[in-house]
Protein backbone atom coordinates (compact mmCIF):
# COMPACT_ATOMS: atom_id res chain seq x y z
CA MET A 1 -40.12 15.96 -23.74
CA LEU A 2 -39.67 12.74 -21.86
CA ARG A 3 -35.97 12.56 -21.16
CA SER A 4 -34.34 9.53 -19.66
CA ARG A 5 -30.79 9.74 -18.38
CA SER A 6 -30.36 6.22 -16.99
CA VAL A 7 -31.68 3.97 -19.72
CA SER A 8 -30.30 0.44 -19.53
CA ILE A 9 -32.56 -1.29 -22.01
CA CYS A 10 -29.82 -3.28 -23.64
CA ALA A 11 -28.09 -5.10 -20.85
CA ARG A 12 -27.32 -8.75 -20.70
CA PRO A 13 -30.38 -10.93 -20.10
CA VAL A 14 -30.02 -11.09 -16.34
CA ARG A 15 -30.25 -7.31 -15.86
CA GLN A 16 -33.41 -5.39 -15.11
CA VAL A 17 -34.81 -2.91 -17.63
CA SER A 18 -35.15 0.57 -16.14
CA ILE A 19 -37.85 2.06 -18.38
CA THR A 20 -41.03 1.77 -16.38
CA ALA A 21 -43.28 1.89 -19.42
CA ILE A 22 -41.97 -1.49 -20.52
CA ALA A 23 -43.31 -3.23 -17.45
CA ARG A 24 -46.95 -2.22 -17.77
CA PRO A 25 -49.49 -4.88 -18.87
CA THR A 26 -49.71 -5.55 -22.58
CA GLY A 27 -53.48 -5.67 -22.62
CA ILE A 28 -53.68 -9.01 -24.42
CA GLN A 29 -53.86 -12.15 -22.36
CA GLY A 30 -54.00 -15.85 -23.02
CA GLY A 31 -52.44 -18.22 -25.49
CA ALA A 32 -49.00 -19.75 -25.70
CA LEU A 33 -45.95 -17.80 -26.76
CA PRO A 34 -46.55 -16.65 -30.32
CA GLY A 35 -44.88 -17.69 -33.49
CA ARG A 36 -44.37 -21.37 -32.76
CA LYS A 37 -46.09 -22.25 -36.00
CA SER A 38 -46.81 -20.24 -39.10
CA SER A 39 -50.19 -18.68 -39.74
CA SER A 40 -52.01 -18.21 -43.00
CA ALA A 41 -53.26 -14.78 -41.99
CA THR A 42 -51.68 -11.73 -43.57
CA THR A 43 -49.85 -9.08 -41.61
CA LYS A 44 -51.63 -5.98 -42.88
CA VAL A 45 -52.57 -3.39 -40.27
CA SER A 46 -56.19 -2.35 -40.51
CA THR A 47 -58.30 -0.01 -38.41
CA PHE A 48 -61.54 -1.91 -37.90
CA PRO A 49 -63.50 -0.93 -34.79
CA ASN A 50 -63.82 -4.51 -33.54
CA VAL A 51 -60.67 -6.43 -32.77
CA SER A 52 -60.61 -9.99 -31.45
CA THR A 53 -57.88 -12.06 -29.86
CA GLY A 54 -57.05 -15.46 -31.34
CA THR A 55 -56.02 -18.55 -29.43
CA ASP A 56 -52.39 -17.67 -30.14
CA GLY A 57 -52.81 -14.35 -28.31
CA PHE A 58 -52.58 -12.13 -31.39
CA ALA A 59 -55.18 -9.41 -31.96
CA ARG A 60 -57.05 -9.76 -35.24
CA ASN A 61 -59.34 -7.50 -37.20
CA PRO A 62 -62.69 -8.82 -38.50
CA ASP A 63 -61.15 -9.56 -41.90
CA GLY A 64 -58.57 -11.87 -40.29
CA THR A 65 -55.60 -9.54 -40.63
CA PHE A 66 -53.39 -9.01 -37.60
CA ASP A 67 -53.84 -5.75 -35.73
CA LEU A 68 -50.18 -4.90 -35.26
CA SER A 69 -51.03 -1.65 -33.49
CA ALA A 70 -52.34 -3.67 -30.54
CA ALA A 71 -50.16 -4.61 -27.59
CA PRO A 72 -48.34 -7.89 -28.35
CA PRO A 73 -48.93 -11.06 -26.32
CA PHE A 74 -45.23 -11.32 -25.47
CA SER A 75 -42.97 -9.16 -23.34
CA LEU A 76 -39.57 -7.57 -23.76
CA ALA A 77 -38.26 -10.21 -21.36
CA ASP A 78 -39.54 -12.97 -23.67
CA LEU A 79 -37.48 -11.52 -26.50
CA ARG A 80 -34.44 -10.97 -24.30
CA ASN A 81 -34.57 -14.55 -23.04
CA ALA A 82 -34.79 -15.88 -26.60
CA ILE A 83 -31.48 -14.28 -27.58
CA PRO A 84 -28.48 -16.63 -27.16
CA ALA A 85 -25.97 -15.53 -24.54
CA GLU A 86 -23.18 -15.23 -27.10
CA CYS A 87 -25.10 -12.54 -28.98
CA TRP A 88 -24.53 -10.15 -26.08
CA GLU A 89 -20.76 -10.63 -26.08
CA LYS A 90 -18.65 -7.74 -27.36
CA ASN A 91 -15.44 -8.69 -29.10
CA THR A 92 -13.12 -5.69 -29.03
CA PHE A 93 -10.69 -7.28 -31.49
CA LYS A 94 -13.47 -7.93 -33.99
CA SER A 95 -14.85 -4.40 -33.62
CA ILE A 96 -11.42 -2.83 -34.13
CA ALA A 97 -10.85 -5.07 -37.15
CA HIS A 98 -14.07 -3.76 -38.72
CA LEU A 99 -12.97 -0.19 -38.03
CA LEU A 100 -9.47 -0.68 -39.42
CA LEU A 101 -10.86 -2.31 -42.56
CA ASP A 102 -13.17 0.66 -43.10
CA VAL A 103 -10.36 3.17 -42.53
CA GLY A 104 -8.09 1.24 -44.89
CA ILE A 105 -10.71 1.25 -47.64
CA VAL A 106 -11.37 4.98 -47.17
CA ALA A 107 -7.66 5.76 -47.38
CA GLY A 108 -7.14 3.47 -50.37
CA LEU A 109 -10.04 4.99 -52.29
CA ALA A 110 -8.84 8.54 -51.64
CA ILE A 111 -5.22 7.85 -52.58
CA GLY A 112 -6.21 5.89 -55.68
CA ALA A 113 -8.66 8.52 -56.94
CA PHE A 114 -6.23 11.38 -56.32
CA MET A 115 -3.42 9.63 -58.18
CA LEU A 116 -5.65 8.53 -61.07
CA ASN A 117 -7.46 11.88 -61.38
CA GLN A 118 -9.62 10.90 -64.36
CA TRP A 119 -13.02 12.46 -65.03
CA TRP A 120 -14.69 9.08 -65.50
CA ALA A 121 -13.33 7.72 -62.21
CA TRP A 122 -14.54 10.54 -59.97
CA PRO A 123 -18.26 9.60 -59.97
CA LEU A 124 -17.34 6.02 -59.06
CA TYR A 125 -15.15 7.33 -56.28
CA TRP A 126 -17.82 9.71 -54.98
CA PHE A 127 -20.34 6.92 -54.56
CA ALA A 128 -17.86 4.40 -53.13
CA GLN A 129 -16.33 6.86 -50.68
CA GLY A 130 -19.70 8.27 -49.63
CA THR A 131 -20.80 4.72 -48.94
CA MET A 132 -17.71 4.15 -46.80
CA PHE A 133 -18.26 7.40 -44.90
CA TRP A 134 -21.69 6.02 -43.97
CA ALA A 135 -20.02 2.78 -42.86
CA LEU A 136 -17.77 4.85 -40.59
CA PHE A 137 -20.84 6.56 -39.19
CA VAL A 138 -22.28 3.17 -38.24
CA VAL A 139 -19.06 2.29 -36.38
CA GLY A 140 -19.33 5.55 -34.43
CA HIS A 141 -23.00 4.77 -33.86
CA ASP A 142 -22.00 1.47 -32.24
CA CYS A 143 -19.50 3.31 -30.05
CA GLY A 144 -22.34 5.56 -28.90
CA HIS A 145 -24.41 2.54 -27.91
CA GLN A 146 -21.38 1.07 -26.10
CA SER A 147 -21.70 -2.03 -28.29
CA PHE A 148 -18.21 -1.56 -29.76
CA SER A 149 -16.47 -2.86 -26.63
CA ASN A 150 -16.89 -3.11 -22.86
CA ASN A 151 -14.54 -0.15 -22.37
CA ARG A 152 -16.52 3.11 -22.31
CA SER A 153 -13.41 5.28 -22.56
CA LEU A 154 -12.26 3.42 -25.67
CA ASN A 155 -15.74 3.62 -27.18
CA ASP A 156 -16.00 7.36 -26.59
CA LEU A 157 -12.49 8.09 -27.87
CA LEU A 158 -12.98 6.14 -31.09
CA GLY A 159 -16.52 7.46 -31.46
CA ASN A 160 -15.27 11.04 -31.25
CA LEU A 161 -12.49 10.35 -33.75
CA VAL A 162 -14.63 8.47 -36.26
CA HIS A 163 -17.60 10.80 -36.14
CA ALA A 164 -15.45 13.93 -36.32
CA THR A 165 -14.01 12.72 -39.64
CA ILE A 166 -17.51 12.92 -41.14
CA LEU A 167 -18.48 16.10 -39.25
CA VAL A 168 -20.80 14.53 -36.69
CA PRO A 169 -20.62 15.75 -33.06
CA TYR A 170 -20.30 12.37 -31.36
CA HIS A 171 -21.62 13.11 -27.88
CA GLY A 172 -24.30 15.52 -29.03
CA TRP A 173 -25.66 13.01 -31.50
CA ARG A 174 -25.14 10.06 -29.13
CA ILE A 175 -27.32 11.68 -26.47
CA SER A 176 -30.11 12.66 -28.84
CA HIS A 177 -29.97 9.20 -30.39
CA ARG A 178 -30.36 7.70 -26.93
CA THR A 179 -33.53 9.77 -26.59
CA HIS A 180 -34.70 8.36 -29.93
CA HIS A 181 -34.22 4.78 -28.75
CA ALA A 182 -35.87 5.42 -25.39
CA ASN A 183 -38.95 6.95 -27.05
CA HIS A 184 -39.14 5.24 -30.43
CA GLY A 185 -42.61 5.27 -31.92
CA HIS A 186 -43.88 8.09 -29.66
CA VAL A 187 -45.39 10.98 -31.61
CA GLU A 188 -44.09 13.78 -29.40
CA ASN A 189 -41.14 12.25 -27.54
CA ASP A 190 -39.31 10.47 -30.35
CA GLU A 191 -36.29 12.36 -31.64
CA SER A 192 -35.53 11.08 -35.15
CA TRP A 193 -37.89 11.14 -38.15
CA HIS A 194 -40.88 11.48 -35.82
CA PRO A 195 -44.13 12.63 -37.47
CA VAL A 196 -45.21 16.24 -37.38
CA THR A 197 -48.73 16.89 -36.12
CA LYS A 198 -51.41 18.60 -38.18
CA SER A 199 -51.12 21.85 -36.24
CA THR A 200 -47.31 21.83 -36.48
CA LEU A 201 -47.47 21.24 -40.23
CA GLU A 202 -49.91 24.09 -40.73
CA GLY A 203 -47.64 26.42 -38.74
CA MET A 204 -44.44 25.55 -40.61
CA GLU A 205 -42.89 27.91 -43.14
CA PHE A 206 -43.23 26.81 -46.75
CA TRP A 207 -39.56 25.99 -47.21
CA ALA A 208 -39.47 24.06 -43.95
CA LYS A 209 -42.27 21.91 -45.34
CA VAL A 210 -40.35 21.41 -48.57
CA GLY A 211 -37.26 20.33 -46.66
CA ARG A 212 -39.20 17.98 -44.42
CA LEU A 213 -41.78 16.43 -46.75
CA THR A 214 -40.40 16.29 -50.27
CA MET A 215 -37.71 14.46 -52.18
CA PRO A 216 -34.90 14.96 -52.81
CA TRP A 217 -34.56 17.79 -50.29
CA ALA A 218 -35.41 15.73 -47.22
CA LEU A 219 -32.56 13.36 -48.09
CA PHE A 220 -30.06 16.13 -47.35
CA ALA A 221 -31.58 17.04 -43.98
CA TYR A 222 -29.11 15.53 -41.53
CA PRO A 223 -26.60 18.41 -41.14
CA PHE A 224 -29.50 20.84 -40.68
CA TYR A 225 -31.05 18.53 -38.08
CA LEU A 226 -27.77 18.54 -36.16
CA TRP A 227 -27.81 22.33 -36.17
CA ASN A 228 -31.46 22.95 -35.34
CA ARG A 229 -33.27 19.60 -34.78
CA SER A 230 -36.65 18.75 -36.29
CA PRO A 231 -39.81 20.87 -36.73
CA GLY A 232 -41.52 21.41 -33.40
CA LYS A 233 -38.31 20.88 -31.38
CA GLN A 234 -35.74 23.37 -30.13
CA GLY A 235 -31.99 23.18 -29.61
CA SER A 236 -28.75 22.28 -31.34
CA HIS A 237 -26.45 19.27 -31.07
CA TYR A 238 -23.52 21.70 -30.79
CA ASP A 239 -24.92 23.81 -27.95
CA PRO A 240 -24.04 22.47 -24.48
CA LYS A 241 -26.93 24.53 -23.05
CA SER A 242 -29.46 22.91 -25.39
CA ASP A 243 -32.58 21.25 -23.98
CA LEU A 244 -31.19 18.03 -25.43
CA PHE A 245 -28.66 17.84 -22.61
CA VAL A 246 -28.45 18.03 -18.84
CA PRO A 247 -25.75 20.09 -17.07
CA ASN A 248 -23.38 17.19 -16.39
CA GLU A 249 -23.22 16.47 -20.13
CA GLU A 250 -21.93 19.92 -21.09
CA LYS A 251 -18.25 18.90 -20.99
CA MET A 252 -18.99 15.97 -23.30
CA ILE A 253 -20.60 18.31 -25.84
CA LEU A 254 -17.63 20.67 -25.68
CA THR A 255 -15.24 17.73 -26.11
CA SER A 256 -16.98 16.61 -29.30
CA ASN A 257 -17.06 20.20 -30.54
CA ALA A 258 -13.28 20.32 -30.05
CA PHE A 259 -12.88 17.19 -32.17
CA MET A 260 -15.07 18.81 -34.82
CA ILE A 261 -12.95 21.98 -34.82
CA GLY A 262 -9.85 19.84 -35.16
CA MET A 263 -11.33 18.09 -38.19
CA LEU A 264 -12.26 21.41 -39.78
CA GLY A 265 -8.62 22.42 -39.30
CA VAL A 266 -7.46 19.25 -41.05
CA LEU A 267 -9.83 19.92 -43.94
CA ALA A 268 -8.61 23.51 -44.21
CA ALA A 269 -4.98 22.36 -44.27
CA CYS A 270 -5.74 19.74 -46.93
CA THR A 271 -7.57 22.35 -49.01
CA PHE A 272 -4.55 24.66 -48.79
CA ALA A 273 -2.19 21.83 -49.78
CA LEU A 274 -4.25 20.10 -52.48
CA GLY A 275 -6.50 22.86 -53.75
CA LEU A 276 -10.24 23.43 -53.49
CA PRO A 277 -11.24 21.36 -56.57
CA ALA A 278 -9.38 18.33 -55.21
CA MET A 279 -11.07 18.59 -51.81
CA ILE A 280 -14.50 18.98 -53.39
CA ASN A 281 -13.88 15.71 -55.21
CA LEU A 282 -12.12 13.90 -52.40
CA TYR A 283 -14.29 14.95 -49.46
CA LEU A 284 -17.23 17.29 -50.03
CA ILE A 285 -19.17 15.28 -52.59
CA PRO A 286 -18.65 11.95 -50.74
CA TYR A 287 -19.76 13.71 -47.55
CA TRP A 288 -23.13 14.58 -49.10
CA ILE A 289 -23.54 11.07 -50.51
CA ASN A 290 -22.95 9.81 -46.96
CA VAL A 291 -25.70 12.20 -45.79
CA VAL A 292 -28.11 10.77 -48.36
CA TRP A 293 -27.26 7.23 -47.26
CA LEU A 294 -27.88 8.18 -43.64
CA ASP A 295 -31.21 9.86 -44.33
CA VAL A 296 -32.49 7.13 -46.67
CA VAL A 297 -31.57 4.26 -44.35
CA THR A 298 -32.85 5.85 -41.16
CA TYR A 299 -36.05 7.06 -42.83
CA LEU A 300 -36.82 3.61 -44.23
CA HIS A 301 -36.37 2.04 -40.81
CA HIS A 302 -39.39 4.01 -39.58
CA HIS A 303 -41.51 4.62 -42.68
CA GLY A 304 -42.84 2.92 -45.76
CA SER A 305 -43.86 -0.65 -45.04
CA GLU A 306 -43.15 -2.94 -47.97
CA ASP A 307 -46.83 -3.92 -47.74
CA ASN A 308 -48.31 -0.90 -49.52
CA SER A 309 -51.63 -1.42 -47.72
CA GLU A 310 -50.02 -0.99 -44.30
CA LYS A 311 -49.55 2.16 -42.28
CA LEU A 312 -47.15 1.94 -39.34
CA PRO A 313 -48.69 2.97 -36.00
CA TRP A 314 -47.44 5.86 -33.87
CA TYR A 315 -48.38 6.09 -30.21
CA ARG A 316 -49.15 8.50 -27.40
CA GLY A 317 -50.16 8.28 -23.75
CA GLU A 318 -51.05 4.90 -22.28
CA GLU A 319 -50.91 3.18 -25.66
CA TRP A 320 -47.19 3.79 -25.99
CA SER A 321 -44.69 1.36 -24.55
CA TYR A 322 -41.03 0.78 -25.25
CA LEU A 323 -41.85 -2.62 -26.74
CA ARG A 324 -44.67 -1.44 -29.00
CA GLY A 325 -42.60 1.48 -30.23
CA GLY A 326 -39.68 -0.78 -31.10
CA LEU A 327 -41.92 -3.25 -32.91
CA SER A 328 -43.14 -0.47 -35.21
CA THR A 329 -39.67 -0.19 -36.75
CA LEU A 330 -38.64 -2.07 -39.88
CA ASP A 331 -35.80 -4.32 -40.96
CA ARG A 332 -34.49 -3.74 -44.49
CA ASP A 333 -32.37 -5.79 -46.86
CA PHE A 334 -29.74 -3.60 -48.52
CA GLY A 335 -28.27 -6.32 -50.70
CA ILE A 336 -24.55 -6.01 -51.30
CA PHE A 337 -24.38 -3.14 -48.80
CA ASN A 338 -25.56 -5.18 -45.78
CA LYS A 339 -22.06 -6.11 -44.63
CA ILE A 340 -20.46 -2.90 -45.84
CA HIS A 341 -22.85 -1.03 -43.56
CA HIS A 342 -22.36 -3.41 -40.66
CA ASP A 343 -25.84 -5.01 -40.78
CA ILE A 344 -27.59 -1.75 -39.91
CA GLY A 345 -30.64 -3.15 -41.73
CA THR A 346 -31.34 -5.52 -38.81
CA HIS A 347 -33.09 -2.67 -37.10
CA VAL A 348 -35.92 -4.08 -34.96
CA ILE A 349 -33.76 -6.03 -32.52
CA HIS A 350 -31.15 -3.28 -32.59
CA HIS A 351 -33.80 -0.78 -31.51
CA LEU A 352 -34.98 -2.95 -28.65
CA PHE A 353 -31.51 -4.09 -27.51
CA PRO A 354 -28.97 -1.55 -28.81
CA GLN A 355 -25.98 -2.94 -26.90
CA ILE A 356 -25.91 -6.07 -29.06
CA PRO A 357 -22.88 -5.72 -31.38
CA HIS A 358 -23.76 -5.34 -35.06
CA TYR A 359 -22.05 -8.62 -35.98
CA ASN A 360 -24.46 -10.50 -33.69
CA LEU A 361 -27.69 -8.80 -34.76
CA GLU A 362 -28.59 -11.31 -37.46
CA ALA A 363 -28.37 -14.24 -35.04
CA ALA A 364 -30.32 -12.33 -32.39
CA THR A 365 -33.02 -11.46 -34.92
CA GLU A 366 -33.39 -15.07 -36.05
CA ALA A 367 -33.73 -16.16 -32.41
CA CYS A 368 -36.50 -13.61 -31.79
CA LYS A 369 -38.55 -14.17 -34.94
CA PRO A 370 -40.55 -17.11 -33.50
CA VAL A 371 -41.50 -14.99 -30.50
CA MET A 372 -42.45 -11.91 -32.50
CA GLY A 373 -44.58 -13.81 -35.00
CA PRO A 374 -46.46 -11.35 -37.24
CA TYR A 375 -45.02 -8.39 -35.35
CA TYR A 376 -41.82 -9.03 -37.26
CA ARG A 377 -42.33 -7.64 -40.74
CA GLN A 378 -40.10 -9.82 -42.90
CA PRO A 379 -38.09 -7.54 -45.20
CA GLN A 380 -38.30 -8.09 -48.92
CA LYS A 381 -35.25 -9.93 -50.20
CA SER A 382 -32.91 -7.67 -52.11
CA GLY A 383 -31.04 -8.39 -55.27
CA LEU A 384 -27.43 -7.31 -55.61
CA LEU A 385 -28.57 -3.69 -55.38
CA PRO A 386 -31.49 -2.64 -53.12
CA THR A 387 -33.55 -1.10 -55.93
CA HIS A 388 -36.73 -2.55 -54.39
CA LEU A 389 -36.51 0.11 -51.68
CA VAL A 390 -37.09 2.97 -54.11
CA GLU A 391 -40.83 2.26 -54.24
CA PRO A 392 -41.57 2.38 -50.47
CA LEU A 393 -39.30 5.43 -50.12
CA ILE A 394 -41.16 7.40 -52.80
CA ARG A 395 -44.56 6.14 -51.66
CA SER A 396 -43.91 7.22 -48.09
CA PHE A 397 -42.77 10.70 -49.07
CA GLN A 398 -45.85 11.05 -51.24
CA ASN A 399 -48.31 9.98 -48.54
CA ASP A 400 -46.79 10.21 -45.04
CA HIS A 401 -46.95 13.89 -44.13
CA TYR A 402 -48.59 14.40 -40.73
CA VAL A 403 -50.57 12.79 -37.92
CA GLU A 404 -53.56 14.13 -36.03
CA ASP A 405 -53.00 16.25 -32.92
CA THR A 406 -55.06 13.88 -30.78
CA GLY A 407 -55.39 10.13 -30.47
CA ASP A 408 -53.26 7.55 -28.69
CA ILE A 409 -52.77 5.42 -31.82
CA VAL A 410 -52.37 7.47 -34.99
CA TYR A 411 -51.25 6.93 -38.57
CA TYR A 412 -49.71 9.19 -41.15
CA LYS A 413 -52.02 11.18 -43.40
CA LYS A 414 -51.40 12.93 -46.68
CA ALA A 415 -51.21 16.70 -47.00
CA ASP A 416 -52.36 18.66 -50.04
CA LEU A 417 -48.97 19.56 -51.48
CA ALA A 418 -50.47 21.31 -54.50
CA SER A 419 -52.80 23.69 -52.68
CA SER A 420 -51.48 27.06 -53.86
CA GLY A 421 -48.02 26.01 -52.76
CA SER A 422 -49.14 25.98 -49.13
CA MET A 423 -48.99 22.23 -48.39
CA LYS A 424 -52.14 22.17 -46.31
CA ALA A 425 -53.19 19.22 -44.16
CA VAL A 426 -56.34 17.56 -45.47
């Protein structure tokens, strides 16, 4: 696995990016900066053998559609320079205010539900509290990216506290998530929701395939991923000797494990004081709803284009670059949940520049849209509830099962899930 320990992809505009793959030539030359005027061409990805480059620098297939698997005619620096300086500024007061609001809502929901204790209220509480647990995860996620504040010690302390409350090992996950950002879109080196290859799929046990490829089981995968990672990868987020980490990170892993043990002690004490049924209602069921939120949101950021004729590209070798990998991610509109979940749906710019605070991601995205042109896949507008996302989620799980073992640009293919229960690649 490609493992970077000094990634600084998200610095303020004047700083140099340290991932060497970003600096290599894009392969498309000519034309002014893209996106200065709208185009009538669609943004479907096709796989025609002959691709041409328009006067605007964008690669097009013979049918006029944009080839979004091709290297873009703009650079990471072009995007970075388009982002207003204020978008990079971290406001510690604002970040703490978001955290305190989340904690206050979590406490209020728990106290209210416990005091009311009515059968009809519990399902409402489960969903609301599970949603807020996911919001807390996003705050800890920002601490891991150091976008919460400019104080690393504060970020790590709050990240450990917040993530421990929802049973996430902060440093273990933070480090593996850093690997995900540094290698997004790479078939082998990506860490989260990366595709399995044909040979890996065929070698997986039946129940591993069920857990990876089918709904609803895959939507409960996160705790198991923390324990044993994804198919084809070894190690645990709790093991300081895991291949995920280098020796000087061992103390960090042990620190987060200590926070986790402390939280388990708190849960045990609460169970003793309140009783097991109360803790199942107050904590366990909301925890699993939080897990479903996490898996659904993160999966949809990397799978299931809202254009049902499009397959998102995955890269290997010389075709992969940090920029191209980041541009293969998707923004999503989660309706009423956008602000509750701290704008986690603004995913493309977050993936490219993860130190931008969540409350500045919308402005940064708007500033970059003219540069990205068709490489920015405009998310479908949500109603009050994001029911429109059910279709791409189901479609992706039905069709996106594996990629070929070879090829520098590959797309998901469908496995035969009904072949004597063996889920064979076809």
